[in-house]
Structure formats: structure tokens, C-alpha cells
Amino acid sequence: MTVISATEARANFQELISRAEYKGERIVIERHGKAAVAIISLDDLKLLEAMEDAIDSQTLRRAISENHSFTTLDAISAKRGNE
């Protein structure tokens, strides 16, 4: 992982995009000496989002299993259709 200042990032933005896109490099940009943002490849972003979705699904499954009165939207719709 590369860490650079916002000033350097501004001056070399096109190069940083290429490094992330083609080399898979992860670049952290600091502002006032503190990490502020990162430039990552689209593949890294997709992987991160897939991991977040998996964690959210696991959390939902756990919540459903721990709450015996949990009702799904399908169950509510079916019940309303029968009324």
C-alpha cells in the first residue's frame, strides 16, 4: 500500500488511477498527515462490496434464527392475501 499527500495525489492523479487500475495498487491519500481516502481498483471495490453483502446476509440469518417471532415480507403478503 502506498501513502501519499493530497498535494502529490492532485499533481499525479492520472498516474495514480493507472497504478490502481492496471497494477492493483492501493493508494491512501493523506490530508494534514492523516489518512483521508483511498484509490483502489474496481475489482477491489467489487470484492469489498461482496464481502459486505456476505456479512450483512450472515448477520440477518443470525438475527432471524435468534428471533422466533421474525416474519418475512413474503409471509406478511401471503397472510394479507388470505384475509
PDB file of N, CA and C in Angstrom:
ATOM      1  N   MET A   1       0.849  -1.169   0.000  1.00  0.00           N
ATOM      2  CA  MET A   1       0.000   0.000   0.000  1.00  0.00           C
ATOM      3  C   MET A   1       0.897   1.234   0.000  1.00  0.00           C
ATOM      4  N   THR A   2       0.530   2.174  -0.842  1.00  0.00           N
ATOM      5  CA  THR A   2       1.282   3.415  -0.965  1.00  0.00           C
ATOM      6  C   THR A   2       0.521   4.532  -0.254  1.00  0.00           C
ATOM      7  N   VAL A   3       1.231   5.370   0.460  1.00  0.00           N
ATOM      8  CA  VAL A   3       0.635   6.514   1.147  1.00  0.00           C
ATOM      9  C   VAL A   3       1.255   7.778   0.577  1.00  0.00           C
ATOM     10  N   ILE A   4       0.393   8.696   0.135  1.00  0.00           N
ATOM     11  CA  ILE A   4       0.876   9.964  -0.420  1.00  0.00           C
ATOM     12  C   ILE A   4       0.042  11.119   0.106  1.00  0.00           C
ATOM     13  N   SER A   5       0.548  12.317  -0.040  1.00  0.00           N
ATOM     14  CA  SER A   5      -0.177  13.515   0.396  1.00  0.00           C
ATOM     15  C   SER A   5      -1.220  13.902  -0.646  1.00  0.00           C
ATOM     16  N   ALA A   6      -2.196  14.663  -0.224  1.00  0.00           N
ATOM     17  CA  ALA A   6      -3.220  15.154  -1.142  1.00  0.00           C
ATOM     18  C   ALA A   6      -2.607  16.019  -2.230  1.00  0.00           C
ATOM     19  N   THR A   7      -1.595  16.782  -1.887  1.00  0.00           N
ATOM     20  CA  THR A   7      -0.916  17.630  -2.879  1.00  0.00           C
ATOM     21  C   THR A   7      -0.281  16.769  -3.961  1.00  0.00           C
ATOM     22  N   GLU A   8       0.417  15.708  -3.549  1.00  0.00           N
ATOM     23  CA  GLU A   8       1.040  14.798  -4.510  1.00  0.00           C
ATOM     24  C   GLU A   8      -0.018  14.077  -5.350  1.00  0.00           C
ATOM     25  N   ALA A   9      -1.106  13.681  -4.717  1.00  0.00           N
ATOM     26  CA  ALA A   9      -2.188  12.999  -5.437  1.00  0.00           C
ATOM     27  C   ALA A   9      -2.784  13.911  -6.503  1.00  0.00           C
ATOM     28  N   ARG A  10      -2.990  15.150  -6.153  1.00  0.00           N
ATOM     29  CA  ARG A  10      -3.546  16.120  -7.088  1.00  0.00           C
ATOM     30  C   ARG A  10      -2.640  16.274  -8.309  1.00  0.00           C
ATOM     31  N   ALA A  11      -1.350  16.319  -8.069  1.00  0.00           N
ATOM     32  CA  ALA A  11      -0.382  16.521  -9.142  1.00  0.00           C
ATOM     33  C   ALA A  11      -0.211  15.281 -10.028  1.00  0.00           C
ATOM     34  N   ASN A  12      -0.513  14.103  -9.487  1.00  0.00           N
ATOM     35  CA  ASN A  12      -0.263  12.849 -10.210  1.00  0.00           C
ATOM     36  C   ASN A  12      -1.514  11.976 -10.343  1.00  0.00           C
ATOM     37  N   PHE A  13      -2.668  12.599 -10.406  1.00  0.00           N
ATOM     38  CA  PHE A  13      -3.927  11.860 -10.340  1.00  0.00           C
ATOM     39  C   PHE A  13      -4.053  10.802 -11.443  1.00  0.00           C
ATOM     40  N   GLN A  14      -3.751  11.158 -12.688  1.00  0.00           N
ATOM     41  CA  GLN A  14      -3.868  10.186 -13.786  1.00  0.00           C
ATOM     42  C   GLN A  14      -2.961   8.972 -13.565  1.00  0.00           C
ATOM     43  N   GLU A  15      -1.757   9.220 -13.103  1.00  0.00           N
ATOM     44  CA  GLU A  15      -0.821   8.128 -12.831  1.00  0.00           C
ATOM     45  C   GLU A  15      -1.349   7.229 -11.721  1.00  0.00           C
ATOM     46  N   LEU A  16      -1.922   7.827 -10.690  1.00  0.00           N
ATOM     47  CA  LEU A  16      -2.454   7.044  -9.576  1.00  0.00           C
ATOM     48  C   LEU A  16      -3.612   6.163 -10.030  1.00  0.00           C
ATOM     49  N   ILE A  17      -4.455   6.708 -10.892  1.00  0.00           N
ATOM     50  CA  ILE A  17      -5.562   5.916 -11.433  1.00  0.00           C
ATOM     51  C   ILE A  17      -5.014   4.712 -12.191  1.00  0.00           C
ATOM     52  N   SER A  18      -4.023   4.932 -13.025  1.00  0.00           N
ATOM     53  CA  SER A  18      -3.420   3.832 -13.788  1.00  0.00           C
ATOM     54  C   SER A  18      -2.795   2.785 -12.876  1.00  0.00           C
ATOM     55  N   ARG A  19      -2.113   3.225 -11.853  1.00  0.00           N
ATOM     56  CA  ARG A  19      -1.470   2.287 -10.926  1.00  0.00           C
ATOM     57  C   ARG A  19      -2.511   1.421 -10.223  1.00  0.00           C
ATOM     58  N   ALA A  20      -3.624   2.025  -9.835  1.00  0.00           N
ATOM     59  CA  ALA A  20      -4.686   1.253  -9.183  1.00  0.00           C
ATOM     60  C   ALA A  20      -5.385   0.339 -10.182  1.00  0.00           C
ATOM     61  N   GLU A  21      -5.674   0.866 -11.355  1.00  0.00           N
ATOM     62  CA  GLU A  21      -6.426   0.107 -12.355  1.00  0.00           C
ATOM     63  C   GLU A  21      -5.625  -1.062 -12.932  1.00  0.00           C
ATOM     64  N   TYR A  22      -4.399  -0.823 -13.338  1.00  0.00           N
ATOM     65  CA  TYR A  22      -3.633  -1.832 -14.065  1.00  0.00           C
ATOM     66  C   TYR A  22      -2.716  -2.674 -13.188  1.00  0.00           C
ATOM     67  N   LYS A  23      -2.249  -2.125 -12.085  1.00  0.00           N
ATOM     68  CA  LYS A  23      -1.334  -2.857 -11.215  1.00  0.00           C
ATOM     69  C   LYS A  23      -2.008  -3.349  -9.935  1.00  0.00           C
ATOM     70  N   GLY A  24      -3.252  -2.902  -9.695  1.00  0.00           N
ATOM     71  CA  GLY A  24      -3.959  -3.311  -8.489  1.00  0.00           C
ATOM     72  C   GLY A  24      -3.421  -2.656  -7.223  1.00  0.00           C
ATOM     73  N   GLU A  25      -2.680  -1.577  -7.400  1.00  0.00           N
ATOM     74  CA  GLU A  25      -2.079  -0.892  -6.248  1.00  0.00           C
ATOM     75  C   GLU A  25      -3.159  -0.178  -5.436  1.00  0.00           C
ATOM     76  N   ARG A  26      -3.009  -0.208  -4.145  1.00  0.00           N
ATOM     77  CA  ARG A  26      -3.914   0.503  -3.232  1.00  0.00           C
ATOM     78  C   ARG A  26      -3.177   1.736  -2.732  1.00  0.00           C
ATOM     79  N   ILE A  27      -3.806   2.879  -2.901  1.00  0.00           N
ATOM     80  CA  ILE A  27      -3.132   4.146  -2.605  1.00  0.00           C
ATOM     81  C   ILE A  27      -3.960   4.921  -1.584  1.00  0.00           C
ATOM     82  N   VAL A  28      -3.354   5.224  -0.466  1.00  0.00           N
ATOM     83  CA  VAL A  28      -4.007   6.019   0.584  1.00  0.00           C
ATOM     84  C   VAL A  28      -3.533   7.461   0.437  1.00  0.00           C
ATOM     85  N   ILE A  29      -4.497   8.371   0.464  1.00  0.00           N
ATOM     86  CA  ILE A  29      -4.186   9.793   0.354  1.00  0.00           C
ATOM     87  C   ILE A  29      -4.405  10.443   1.708  1.00  0.00           C
ATOM     88  N   GLU A  30      -3.361  11.121   2.160  1.00  0.00           N
ATOM     89  CA  GLU A  30      -3.421  11.799   3.459  1.00  0.00           C
ATOM     90  C   GLU A  30      -3.702  13.282   3.272  1.00  0.00           C
ATOM     91  N   ARG A  31      -4.459  13.809   4.211  1.00  0.00           N
ATOM     92  CA  ARG A  31      -4.682  15.242   4.286  1.00  0.00           C
ATOM     93  C   ARG A  31      -4.264  15.678   5.681  1.00  0.00           C
ATOM     94  N   HIS A  32      -3.368  16.625   5.748  1.00  0.00           N
ATOM     95  CA  HIS A  32      -2.835  17.113   7.026  1.00  0.00           C
ATOM     96  C   HIS A  32      -2.235  15.977   7.850  1.00  0.00           C
ATOM     97  N   GLY A  33      -1.571  15.033   7.147  1.00  0.00           N
ATOM     98  CA  GLY A  33      -0.879  13.943   7.825  1.00  0.00           C
ATOM     99  C   GLY A  33      -1.761  12.804   8.291  1.00  0.00           C
ATOM    100  N   LYS A  34      -3.066  12.840   7.955  1.00  0.00           N
ATOM    101  CA  LYS A  34      -3.983  11.777   8.370  1.00  0.00           C
ATOM    102  C   LYS A  34      -4.619  11.148   7.132  1.00  0.00           C
ATOM    103  N   ALA A  35      -4.742   9.823   7.154  1.00  0.00           N
ATOM    104  CA  ALA A  35      -5.371   9.116   6.044  1.00  0.00           C
ATOM    105  C   ALA A  35      -6.796   9.642   5.853  1.00  0.00           C
ATOM    106  N   ALA A  36      -7.120  10.005   4.605  1.00  0.00           N
ATOM    107  CA  ALA A  36      -8.437  10.573   4.325  1.00  0.00           C
ATOM    108  C   ALA A  36      -9.248   9.707   3.371  1.00  0.00           C
ATOM    109  N   VAL A  37      -8.631   9.270   2.282  1.00  0.00           N
ATOM    110  CA  VAL A  37      -9.323   8.461   1.282  1.00  0.00           C
ATOM    111  C   VAL A  37      -8.337   7.478   0.665  1.00  0.00           C
ATOM    112  N   ALA A  38      -8.885   6.567  -0.154  1.00  0.00           N
ATOM    113  CA  ALA A  38      -8.037   5.609  -0.852  1.00  0.00           C
ATOM    114  C   ALA A  38      -8.481   5.489  -2.297  1.00  0.00           C
ATOM    115  N   ILE A  39      -7.526   5.198  -3.146  1.00  0.00           N
ATOM    116  CA  ILE A  39      -7.811   4.855  -4.530  1.00  0.00           C
ATOM    117  C   ILE A  39      -7.537   3.366  -4.657  1.00  0.00           C
ATOM    118  N   ILE A  40      -8.557   2.636  -5.102  1.00  0.00           N
ATOM    119  CA  ILE A  40      -8.419   1.184  -5.286  1.00  0.00           C
ATOM    120  C   ILE A  40      -8.990   0.813  -6.650  1.00  0.00           C
ATOM    121  N   SER A  41      -8.663  -0.371  -7.112  1.00  0.00           N
ATOM    122  CA  SER A  41      -9.186  -0.836  -8.395  1.00  0.00           C
ATOM    123  C   SER A  41     -10.670  -1.175  -8.267  1.00  0.00           C
ATOM    124  N   LEU A  42     -11.337  -1.227  -9.405  1.00  0.00           N
ATOM    125  CA  LEU A  42     -12.741  -1.605  -9.428  1.00  0.00           C
ATOM    126  C   LEU A  42     -12.916  -3.033  -8.931  1.00  0.00           C
ATOM    127  N   ASP A  43     -11.971  -3.915  -9.259  1.00  0.00           N
ATOM    128  CA  ASP A  43     -12.032  -5.296  -8.760  1.00  0.00           C
ATOM    129  C   ASP A  43     -11.977  -5.334  -7.235  1.00  0.00           C
ATOM    130  N   ASP A  44     -11.114  -4.521  -6.631  1.00  0.00           N
ATOM    131  CA  ASP A  44     -11.046  -4.447  -5.162  1.00  0.00           C
ATOM    132  C   ASP A  44     -12.359  -3.937  -4.582  1.00  0.00           C
ATOM    133  N   LEU A  45     -12.954  -2.941  -5.217  1.00  0.00           N
ATOM    134  CA  LEU A  45     -14.225  -2.400  -4.741  1.00  0.00           C
ATOM    135  C   LEU A  45     -15.321  -3.456  -4.810  1.00  0.00           C
ATOM    136  N   LYS A  46     -15.384  -4.184  -5.922  1.00  0.00           N
ATOM    137  CA  LYS A  46     -16.396  -5.240  -6.059  1.00  0.00           C
ATOM    138  C   LYS A  46     -16.211  -6.316  -4.998  1.00  0.00           C
ATOM    139  N   LEU A  47     -14.968  -6.686  -4.740  1.00  0.00           N
ATOM    140  CA  LEU A  47     -14.686  -7.683  -3.708  1.00  0.00           C
ATOM    141  C   LEU A  47     -15.113  -7.180  -2.328  1.00  0.00           C
ATOM    142  N   LEU A  48     -14.802  -5.937  -2.029  1.00  0.00           N
ATOM    143  CA  LEU A  48     -15.196  -5.344  -0.760  1.00  0.00           C
ATOM    144  C   LEU A  48     -16.718  -5.336  -0.608  1.00  0.00           C
ATOM    145  N   GLU A  49     -17.419  -4.943  -1.661  1.00  0.00           N
ATOM    146  CA  GLU A  49     -18.881  -4.914  -1.596  1.00  0.00           C
ATOM    147  C   GLU A  49     -19.464  -6.311  -1.448  1.00  0.00           C
ATOM    148  N   ALA A  50     -18.878  -7.310  -2.112  1.00  0.00           N
ATOM    149  CA  ALA A  50     -19.344  -8.697  -1.968  1.00  0.00           C
ATOM    150  C   ALA A  50     -19.134  -9.189  -0.541  1.00  0.00           C
ATOM    151  N   MET A  51     -18.001  -8.831   0.055  1.00  0.00           N
ATOM    152  CA  MET A  51     -17.733  -9.212   1.440  1.00  0.00           C
ATOM    153  C   MET A  51     -18.729  -8.553   2.384  1.00  0.00           C
ATOM    154  N   GLU A  52     -19.028  -7.279   2.155  1.00  0.00           N
ATOM    155  CA  GLU A  52     -20.017  -6.584   2.984  1.00  0.00           C
ATOM    156  C   GLU A  52     -21.388  -7.246   2.855  1.00  0.00           C
ATOM    157  N   ASP A  53     -21.777  -7.608   1.626  1.00  0.00           N
ATOM    158  CA  ASP A  53     -23.062  -8.276   1.416  1.00  0.00           C
ATOM    159  C   ASP A  53     -23.112  -9.609   2.145  1.00  0.00           C
ATOM    160  N   ALA A  54     -22.015 -10.365   2.099  1.00  0.00           N
ATOM    161  CA  ALA A  54     -21.965 -11.656   2.785  1.00  0.00           C
ATOM    162  C   ALA A  54     -22.098 -11.478   4.296  1.00  0.00           C
ATOM    163  N   ILE A  55     -21.437 -10.479   4.825  1.00  0.00           N
ATOM    164  CA  ILE A  55     -21.526 -10.206   6.268  1.00  0.00           C
ATOM    165  C   ILE A  55     -22.945  -9.784   6.639  1.00  0.00           C
ATOM    166  N   ASP A  56     -23.543  -8.915   5.809  1.00  0.00           N
ATOM    167  CA  ASP A  56     -24.918  -8.484   6.076  1.00  0.00           C
ATOM    168  C   ASP A  56     -25.876  -9.665   6.037  1.00  0.00           C
ATOM    169  N   SER A  57     -25.695 -10.580   5.072  1.00  0.00           N
ATOM    170  CA  SER A  57     -26.556 -11.767   4.970  1.00  0.00           C
ATOM    171  C   SER A  57     -26.388 -12.665   6.185  1.00  0.00           C
ATOM    172  N   GLN A  58     -25.140 -12.840   6.605  1.00  0.00           N
ATOM    173  CA  GLN A  58     -24.872 -13.673   7.778  1.00  0.00           C
ATOM    174  C   GLN A  58     -25.510 -13.052   9.024  1.00  0.00           C
ATOM    175  N   THR A  59     -25.406 -11.752   9.157  1.00  0.00           N
ATOM    176  CA  THR A  59     -25.997 -11.054  10.301  1.00  0.00           C
ATOM    177  C   THR A  59     -27.511 -11.203  10.295  1.00  0.00           C
ATOM    178  N   LEU A  60     -28.128 -11.075   9.110  1.00  0.00           N
ATOM    179  CA  LEU A  60     -29.581 -11.226   9.001  1.00  0.00           C
ATOM    180  C   LEU A  60     -29.998 -12.650   9.353  1.00  0.00           C
ATOM    181  N   ARG A  61     -29.262 -13.648   8.838  1.00  0.00           N
ATOM    182  CA  ARG A  61     -29.605 -15.043   9.165  1.00  0.00           C
ATOM    183  C   ARG A  61     -29.510 -15.293  10.663  1.00  0.00           C
ATOM    184  N   ARG A  62     -28.482 -14.721  11.303  1.00  0.00           N
ATOM    185  CA  ARG A  62     -28.326 -14.890  12.747  1.00  0.00           C
ATOM    186  C   ARG A  62     -29.480 -14.217  13.487  1.00  0.00           C
ATOM    187  N   ALA A  63     -29.863 -13.018  13.058  1.00  0.00           N
ATOM    188  CA  ALA A  63     -30.961 -12.300  13.709  1.00  0.00           C
ATOM    189  C   ALA A  63     -32.264 -13.076  13.569  1.00  0.00           C
ATOM    190  N   ILE A  64     -32.491 -13.653  12.397  1.00  0.00           N
ATOM    191  CA  ILE A  64     -33.712 -14.438  12.179  1.00  0.00           C
ATOM    192  C   ILE A  64     -33.715 -15.664  13.083  1.00  0.00           C
ATOM    193  N   SER A  65     -32.587 -16.339  13.180  1.00  0.00           N
ATOM    194  CA  SER A  65     -32.537 -17.556  13.997  1.00  0.00           C
ATOM    195  C   SER A  65     -32.682 -17.259  15.486  1.00  0.00           C
ATOM    196  N   GLU A  66     -32.292 -16.068  15.911  1.00  0.00           N
ATOM    197  CA  GLU A  66     -32.384 -15.705  17.325  1.00  0.00           C
ATOM    198  C   GLU A  66     -33.727 -15.089  17.691  1.00  0.00           C
ATOM    199  N   ASN A  67     -34.526 -14.733  16.704  1.00  0.00           N
ATOM    200  CA  ASN A  67     -35.820 -14.092  16.947  1.00  0.00           C
ATOM    201  C   ASN A  67     -36.913 -15.009  16.409  1.00  0.00           C
ATOM    202  N   HIS A  68     -37.544 -15.756  17.294  1.00  0.00           N
ATOM    203  CA  HIS A  68     -38.518 -16.764  16.887  1.00  0.00           C
ATOM    204  C   HIS A  68     -39.800 -16.150  16.330  1.00  0.00           C
ATOM    205  N   SER A  69     -40.038 -14.868  16.571  1.00  0.00           N
ATOM    206  CA  SER A  69     -41.257 -14.240  16.056  1.00  0.00           C
ATOM    207  C   SER A  69     -40.989 -13.447  14.773  1.00  0.00           C
ATOM    208  N   PHE A  70     -39.826 -13.658  14.176  1.00  0.00           N
ATOM    209  CA  PHE A  70     -39.457 -12.955  12.946  1.00  0.00           C
ATOM    210  C   PHE A  70     -40.413 -13.351  11.834  1.00  0.00           C
ATOM    211  N   THR A  71     -40.862 -12.362  11.068  1.00  0.00           N
ATOM    212  CA  THR A  71     -41.764 -12.594   9.944  1.00  0.00           C
ATOM    213  C   THR A  71     -41.160 -12.013   8.688  1.00  0.00           C
ATOM    214  N   THR A  72     -41.202 -12.754   7.609  1.00  0.00           N
ATOM    215  CA  THR A  72     -40.676 -12.261   6.345  1.00  0.00           C
ATOM    216  C   THR A  72     -41.742 -11.463   5.602  1.00  0.00           C
ATOM    217  N   LEU A  73     -41.318 -10.674   4.650  1.00  0.00           N
ATOM    218  CA  LEU A  73     -42.248  -9.906   3.824  1.00  0.00           C
ATOM    219  C   LEU A  73     -43.141 -10.854   3.038  1.00  0.00           C
ATOM    220  N   ASP A  74     -42.614 -11.963   2.568  1.00  0.00           N
ATOM    221  CA  ASP A  74     -43.420 -12.956   1.846  1.00  0.00           C
ATOM    222  C   ASP A  74     -44.531 -13.512   2.733  1.00  0.00           C
ATOM    223  N   ALA A  75     -44.204 -13.774   3.991  1.00  0.00           N
ATOM    224  CA  ALA A  75     -45.213 -14.308   4.918  1.00  0.00           C
ATOM    225  C   ALA A  75     -46.307 -13.292   5.176  1.00  0.00           C
ATOM    226  N   ILE A  76     -45.943 -12.041   5.311  1.00  0.00           N
ATOM    227  CA  ILE A  76     -46.943 -10.989   5.535  1.00  0.00           C
ATOM    228  C   ILE A  76     -47.834 -10.857   4.307  1.00  0.00           C
ATOM    229  N   SER A  77     -47.229 -10.862   3.117  1.00  0.00           N
ATOM    230  CA  SER A  77     -48.005 -10.757   1.879  1.00  0.00           C
ATOM    231  C   SER A  77     -48.955 -11.917   1.722  1.00  0.00           C
ATOM    232  N   ALA A  78     -48.487 -13.130   2.020  1.00  0.00           N
ATOM    233  CA  ALA A  78     -49.327 -14.323   1.914  1.00  0.00           C
ATOM    234  C   ALA A  78     -50.488 -14.244   2.885  1.00  0.00           C
ATOM    235  N   LYS A  79     -50.211 -13.770   4.090  1.00  0.00           N
ATOM    236  CA  LYS A  79     -51.266 -13.669   5.094  1.00  0.00           C
ATOM    237  C   LYS A  79     -52.323 -12.647   4.666  1.00  0.00           C
ATOM    238  N   ARG A  80     -51.898 -11.524   4.129  1.00  0.00           N
ATOM    239  CA  ARG A  80     -52.835 -10.500   3.672  1.00  0.00           C
ATOM    240  C   ARG A  80     -53.652 -10.981   2.483  1.00  0.00           C
ATOM    241  N   GLY A  81     -53.060 -11.824   1.666  1.00  0.00           N
ATOM    242  CA  GLY A  81     -53.782 -12.386   0.516  1.00  0.00           C
ATOM    243  C   GLY A  81     -54.863 -13.357   0.933  1.00  0.00           C
ATOM    244  N   ASN A  82     -54.694 -13.921   2.132  1.00  0.00           N
ATOM    245  CA  ASN A  82     -55.669 -14.901   2.640  1.00  0.00           C
ATOM    246  C   ASN A  82     -56.776 -14.258   3.436  1.00  0.00           C
ATOM    247  N   GLU A  83     -56.650 -12.973   3.723  1.00  0.00           N
ATOM    248  CA  GLU A  83     -57.671 -12.311   4.564  1.00  0.00           C
ATOM    249  C   GLU A  83     -58.879 -11.942   3.768  1.00  0.00           C
TER     250      GLU A  83
END
